[in-house]
């Protein structure tokens, strides 16, 4: 995520006031939600994807969004910031992470915060509102580990969409995605994000993954996040979305030839890779 740079301008003869250096991340002082947002999420990109996917169907901009498994509600916040006509609802079952999001992400929005509603609820709860778009990103919905449970969730999502509304999900795969492994990535040269694929059961497709963080002072925040999922394939997800009643399900595949850029477009066939990310867009 890009950070704005602030310059200090001084009059001739005046000296710039020295500012203290930014605090260093350490295992003792770091907030795991801040680390997660810096490492995993790019809400501006995800909001842009939802808008473009909706416009592909309707040729107009969506107004209302529901973010399932919203966590700190970062996508909700970027959604309302991107357009004063937009409103968002975030749904998560964890009251602590919702409280963190209200304090650190929603409250700083000022008046725009009034266009965000956060609900502590099961994402399968019946929704009185109908939304232009619903999203479930970062593979959060993989918490449903049976076909019946996943189909039921998809049916509940479809019921919460306005006519022609879209449901956006992400998925990952590739032959390295089922191997126990550590993947380290430096984040702004301030700390290291570690994706730990701890185990994969080939019979049940149960996966257990962790996120760890490592810091320049040598300290570590181990198992900051734990994920116990079923590993779902794209054909399975498409079939279940269709069984849930969606009229169309498109897979958006990264067609960019550059490792530094992304270009997700509807694709019907693709070559496998060691690791890949893809979006699904299901139309009510």
Protein backbone atom coordinates (compact mmCIF):
# COMPACT_ATOMS: atom_id res chain seq x y z
CA UNK A 1 0.00 0.00 0.00
CA UNK A 2 1.39 3.37 -0.97
CA UNK A 3 2.16 5.89 1.73
CA UNK A 4 2.05 9.64 1.15
CA UNK A 5 5.33 11.47 1.64
CA UNK A 6 5.27 14.76 3.52
CA UNK A 7 7.86 17.45 2.84
CA UNK A 8 8.86 20.22 5.24
CA UNK A 9 9.25 23.68 3.75
CA UNK A 10 11.11 26.37 5.74
CA UNK A 11 11.70 30.08 5.31
CA UNK A 12 15.19 31.34 4.56
CA UNK A 13 17.22 31.48 7.75
CA UNK A 14 14.90 29.14 9.64
CA UNK A 15 15.93 25.61 10.50
CA UNK A 16 13.67 22.62 9.99
CA UNK A 17 12.41 21.17 13.24
CA UNK A 18 13.83 17.73 13.72
CA UNK A 19 11.20 15.03 13.92
CA UNK A 20 11.69 11.84 15.85
CA UNK A 21 12.27 8.80 13.66
CA UNK A 22 9.20 6.63 13.08
CA UNK A 23 8.83 3.86 15.64
CA UNK A 24 10.35 0.52 14.71
CA UNK A 25 8.14 -2.52 14.58
CA UNK A 26 8.95 -5.10 17.25
CA UNK A 27 7.14 -8.17 18.52
CA UNK A 28 6.39 -6.30 21.76
CA UNK A 29 5.04 -3.08 20.25
CA UNK A 30 3.51 -4.08 16.89
CA UNK A 31 -0.24 -4.36 16.39
CA UNK A 32 -1.01 -7.52 14.42
CA UNK A 33 -3.96 -5.89 12.65
CA UNK A 34 -1.76 -3.08 11.37
CA UNK A 35 0.78 -5.65 10.18
CA UNK A 36 -1.94 -7.65 8.43
CA UNK A 37 -3.32 -4.62 6.62
CA UNK A 38 0.14 -3.63 5.42
CA UNK A 39 1.06 -7.17 4.37
CA UNK A 40 -2.09 -8.75 2.98
CA UNK A 41 -4.65 -6.16 2.01
CA UNK A 42 -4.82 -3.60 -0.76
CA UNK A 43 -8.35 -2.34 -0.29
CA UNK A 44 -8.13 0.29 -3.02
CA UNK A 45 -7.30 -2.40 -5.61
CA UNK A 46 -10.09 -4.66 -4.36
CA UNK A 47 -12.66 -1.86 -4.46
CA UNK A 48 -11.57 -1.02 -8.00
CA UNK A 49 -11.96 -4.68 -8.99
CA UNK A 50 -15.52 -4.86 -7.58
CA UNK A 51 -16.54 -1.67 -9.38
CA UNK A 52 -15.15 -2.80 -12.73
CA UNK A 53 -16.69 -6.27 -12.41
CA UNK A 54 -20.09 -4.72 -11.67
CA UNK A 55 -19.78 -2.28 -14.58
CA UNK A 56 -19.04 -5.21 -16.88
CA UNK A 57 -22.53 -6.45 -16.08
CA UNK A 58 -24.49 -3.20 -15.76
CA UNK A 59 -22.37 -0.39 -17.24
CA UNK A 60 -23.07 1.73 -14.18
CA UNK A 61 -21.36 2.08 -10.84
CA UNK A 62 -22.50 0.09 -7.80
CA UNK A 63 -23.59 1.99 -4.70
CA UNK A 64 -23.98 -0.56 -1.90
CA UNK A 65 -21.47 -3.16 -0.70
CA UNK A 66 -21.49 -5.89 1.93
CA UNK A 67 -18.09 -7.10 3.07
CA UNK A 68 -18.38 -10.59 4.57
CA UNK A 69 -15.73 -11.70 7.08
CA UNK A 70 -14.88 -7.98 7.16
CA UNK A 71 -12.38 -8.13 10.02
CA UNK A 72 -11.07 -4.58 10.45
CA UNK A 73 -13.49 -3.34 7.75
CA UNK A 74 -10.77 -1.84 5.61
CA UNK A 75 -12.62 -2.51 2.35
CA UNK A 76 -15.79 -0.90 3.72
CA UNK A 77 -13.80 2.20 4.55
CA UNK A 78 -12.21 2.48 1.12
CA UNK A 79 -15.57 1.85 -0.47
CA UNK A 80 -17.23 4.87 1.15
CA UNK A 81 -14.14 7.05 0.67
CA UNK A 82 -14.11 6.33 -3.05
CA UNK A 83 -17.55 7.85 -3.68
CA UNK A 84 -19.80 9.99 -1.43
CA UNK A 85 -22.84 8.18 -2.85
CA UNK A 86 -21.67 4.79 -1.61
CA UNK A 87 -22.53 2.94 1.59
CA UNK A 88 -21.11 -0.26 3.05
CA UNK A 89 -21.99 -2.94 5.57
CA UNK A 90 -19.37 -5.13 7.19
CA UNK A 91 -20.22 -8.49 8.76
CA UNK A 92 -17.96 -10.42 11.11
CA UNK A 93 -18.54 -12.74 14.05
CA UNK A 94 -15.57 -11.49 16.11
CA UNK A 95 -16.49 -8.48 18.33
CA UNK A 96 -12.85 -7.66 19.12
CA UNK A 97 -11.74 -7.21 15.54
CA UNK A 98 -14.88 -5.19 14.77
CA UNK A 99 -14.12 -2.89 17.71
CA UNK A 100 -10.55 -2.46 16.42
CA UNK A 101 -11.87 -1.56 12.98
CA UNK A 102 -14.35 0.96 14.37
CA UNK A 103 -11.60 2.73 16.31
CA UNK A 104 -8.74 2.64 13.81
CA UNK A 105 -10.42 2.59 10.39
CA UNK A 106 -14.01 3.81 10.62
CA UNK A 107 -13.79 6.64 13.17
CA UNK A 108 -11.03 8.53 11.30
CA UNK A 109 -13.35 8.84 8.28
CA UNK A 110 -15.36 11.59 9.96
CA UNK A 111 -18.74 12.19 8.33
CA UNK A 112 -18.19 9.34 5.85
CA UNK A 113 -18.28 6.90 8.79
CA UNK A 114 -22.04 7.40 8.92
CA UNK A 115 -22.31 5.47 5.67
CA UNK A 116 -20.78 2.34 7.22
CA UNK A 117 -22.70 -0.23 9.24
CA UNK A 118 -20.79 -2.96 11.08
CA UNK A 119 -22.65 -6.06 12.22
CA UNK A 120 -21.46 -8.71 14.64
CA UNK A 121 -23.17 -11.69 13.05
CA UNK A 122 -22.77 -14.96 11.20
CA UNK A 123 -22.36 -14.20 7.49
CA UNK A 124 -25.14 -16.74 6.86
CA UNK A 125 -27.68 -14.70 8.85
CA UNK A 126 -30.68 -13.48 6.89
CA UNK A 127 -30.18 -9.97 5.51
CA UNK A 128 -33.01 -7.46 5.35
CA UNK A 129 -31.03 -5.29 2.93
CA UNK A 130 -30.20 -6.02 -0.68
CA UNK A 131 -26.76 -5.05 -1.96
CA UNK A 132 -25.31 -4.28 -5.36
CA UNK A 133 -22.19 -6.26 -4.46
CA UNK A 134 -21.04 -8.65 -1.76
CA UNK A 135 -17.42 -9.71 -1.32
CA UNK A 136 -15.56 -12.38 0.66
CA UNK A 137 -11.82 -11.94 0.18
CA UNK A 138 -8.60 -13.44 1.52
CA UNK A 139 -10.11 -16.93 1.21
CA UNK A 140 -12.11 -16.32 4.40
CA UNK A 141 -15.09 -18.34 3.18
CA UNK A 142 -12.91 -21.48 3.03
CA UNK A 143 -13.88 -21.88 6.69
CA UNK A 144 -16.90 -23.79 5.31
CA UNK A 145 -15.54 -27.31 4.83
CA UNK A 146 -18.43 -29.29 3.31
CA UNK A 147 -20.29 -28.87 0.05
CA UNK A 148 -23.59 -28.45 1.90
CA UNK A 149 -22.19 -25.73 4.16
CA UNK A 150 -20.57 -23.86 1.29
CA UNK A 151 -23.69 -24.12 -0.89
CA UNK A 152 -25.80 -22.84 1.99
CA UNK A 153 -23.52 -19.82 2.42
CA UNK A 154 -23.64 -19.09 -1.31
CA UNK A 155 -27.45 -19.30 -1.24
CA UNK A 156 -27.57 -16.83 1.65
CA UNK A 157 -25.30 -14.46 -0.28
CA UNK A 158 -27.49 -14.68 -3.38
CA UNK A 159 -30.56 -13.85 -1.25
CA UNK A 160 -28.77 -10.74 0.00
CA UNK A 161 -28.06 -9.38 -3.47
CA UNK A 162 -30.23 -6.99 -5.44
CA UNK A 163 -31.34 -8.23 -8.88
CA UNK A 164 -28.26 -8.44 -11.05
CA UNK A 165 -25.97 -7.99 -8.05
CA UNK A 166 -22.54 -9.58 -8.00
CA UNK A 167 -20.64 -11.73 -5.51
CA UNK A 168 -16.83 -11.39 -5.61
CA UNK A 169 -14.51 -14.00 -4.10
CA UNK A 170 -10.85 -14.85 -4.40
CA UNK A 171 -9.11 -18.20 -4.58
CA UNK A 172 -5.59 -19.57 -4.81
CA UNK A 173 -3.92 -22.68 -6.15
CA UNK A 174 -0.98 -24.12 -8.05
CA UNK A 175 1.13 -27.13 -7.17
CA UNK A 176 3.12 -25.26 -4.50
CA UNK A 177 -0.08 -24.29 -2.69
CA UNK A 178 -0.48 -27.80 -1.26
CA UNK A 179 3.10 -28.17 -0.07
CA UNK A 180 4.28 -27.41 3.47
CA UNK A 181 6.42 -24.30 3.00
CA UNK A 182 7.42 -20.88 4.30
CA UNK A 183 7.13 -17.83 2.07
CA UNK A 184 8.84 -14.68 3.35
CA UNK A 185 8.23 -11.18 2.00
CA UNK A 186 9.75 -7.92 3.16
CA UNK A 187 7.12 -5.23 3.81
CA UNK A 188 8.44 -1.72 3.14
CA UNK A 189 11.77 -2.86 4.59
CA UNK A 190 10.22 -2.51 8.04
CA UNK A 191 9.32 -6.11 8.84
CA UNK A 192 8.96 -9.52 7.22
CA UNK A 193 5.64 -11.20 6.51
CA UNK A 194 5.80 -15.01 6.65
CA UNK A 195 3.12 -17.21 5.06
CA UNK A 196 3.38 -20.65 6.64
CA UNK A 197 1.65 -23.53 4.87
CA UNK A 198 1.83 -25.86 7.82
CA UNK A 199 -0.12 -28.91 6.63
CA UNK A 200 -2.26 -30.30 3.83
CA UNK A 201 -4.36 -33.48 4.00
CA UNK A 202 -4.82 -34.95 0.49
CA UNK A 203 -7.85 -37.01 1.54
CA UNK A 204 -9.92 -34.27 3.20
CA UNK A 205 -8.17 -31.23 1.65
CA UNK A 206 -7.94 -29.75 5.13
CA UNK A 207 -5.19 -27.12 5.29
CA UNK A 208 -3.74 -25.36 8.33
CA UNK A 209 -1.87 -22.14 7.60
CA UNK A 210 -0.30 -19.46 9.78
CA UNK A 211 0.93 -15.91 9.39
CA UNK A 212 4.05 -14.95 11.33
CA UNK A 213 5.89 -11.62 11.45
CA UNK A 214 9.63 -11.08 11.90
CA UNK A 215 11.25 -7.80 12.89
CA UNK A 216 14.58 -6.08 12.41
CA UNK A 217 15.49 -6.35 16.08
CA UNK A 218 15.39 -10.15 15.79
CA UNK A 219 12.06 -10.61 17.55
CA UNK A 220 9.18 -12.56 16.06
CA UNK A 221 5.40 -12.59 16.35
CA UNK A 222 4.66 -16.23 15.67
CA UNK A 223 1.23 -17.60 14.76
CA UNK A 224 -0.29 -14.12 14.75
CA UNK A 225 -3.08 -15.57 12.60
CA UNK A 226 -4.18 -19.19 12.17
CA UNK A 227 -6.36 -20.57 9.38
CA UNK A 228 -8.02 -23.98 9.43
CA UNK A 229 -9.69 -24.38 6.03
CA UNK A 230 -10.74 -26.79 3.35
CA UNK A 231 -8.73 -26.25 0.17
CA UNK A 232 -11.32 -25.66 -2.56
CA UNK A 233 -10.68 -25.92 -6.30
CA UNK A 234 -12.08 -23.50 -8.86
CA UNK A 235 -14.34 -26.14 -10.52
CA UNK A 236 -15.86 -27.03 -7.14
CA UNK A 237 -16.55 -23.40 -6.30
CA UNK A 238 -18.07 -22.66 -9.69
CA UNK A 239 -20.34 -25.71 -9.45
CA UNK A 240 -21.52 -24.77 -5.96
CA UNK A 241 -22.22 -21.18 -6.98
CA UNK A 242 -24.29 -22.45 -9.90
CA UNK A 243 -26.11 -24.92 -7.63
CA UNK A 244 -26.86 -21.99 -5.31
CA UNK A 245 -28.74 -20.31 -8.14
CA UNK A 246 -26.31 -17.78 -9.58
CA UNK A 247 -27.00 -17.14 -13.26
CA UNK A 248 -23.35 -16.75 -14.29
CA UNK A 249 -19.96 -17.43 -12.73
CA UNK A 250 -16.80 -15.99 -14.28
CA UNK A 251 -13.20 -16.68 -13.32
CA UNK A 252 -10.93 -13.64 -13.50
CA UNK A 253 -7.34 -14.69 -14.20
CA UNK A 254 -4.24 -12.50 -14.11
CA UNK A 255 -3.30 -12.02 -17.77
CA UNK A 256 -0.39 -9.65 -17.17
CA UNK A 257 3.01 -10.80 -18.41
CA UNK A 258 4.78 -8.63 -15.84
CA UNK A 259 5.43 -9.80 -12.28
CA UNK A 260 5.01 -6.21 -11.07
CA UNK A 261 1.55 -5.67 -12.57
CA UNK A 262 -1.85 -7.37 -12.44
CA UNK A 263 -4.49 -7.58 -15.12
CA UNK A 264 -7.44 -9.74 -14.04
CA UNK A 265 -9.84 -10.53 -16.87
CA UNK A 266 -12.56 -13.16 -17.44
CA UNK A 267 -10.84 -16.32 -18.64
CA UNK A 268 -12.14 -19.78 -19.52
CA UNK A 269 -8.83 -21.68 -19.78
CA UNK A 270 -5.41 -21.07 -18.22
CA UNK A 271 -2.02 -22.67 -17.75
CA UNK A 272 -1.18 -23.89 -14.27
CA UNK A 273 1.60 -22.23 -12.26
CA UNK A 274 3.45 -23.06 -9.06
CA UNK A 275 1.19 -20.56 -7.32
CA UNK A 276 -1.65 -18.41 -8.59
CA UNK A 277 -4.43 -16.14 -7.35
CA UNK A 278 -7.78 -15.73 -9.08
CA UNK A 279 -11.12 -14.01 -8.56
CA UNK A 280 -14.60 -15.43 -9.08
CA UNK A 281 -17.52 -13.15 -9.90
CA UNK A 282 -21.00 -14.68 -9.59
CA UNK A 283 -23.99 -12.77 -10.94
CA UNK A 284 -27.38 -13.08 -9.29
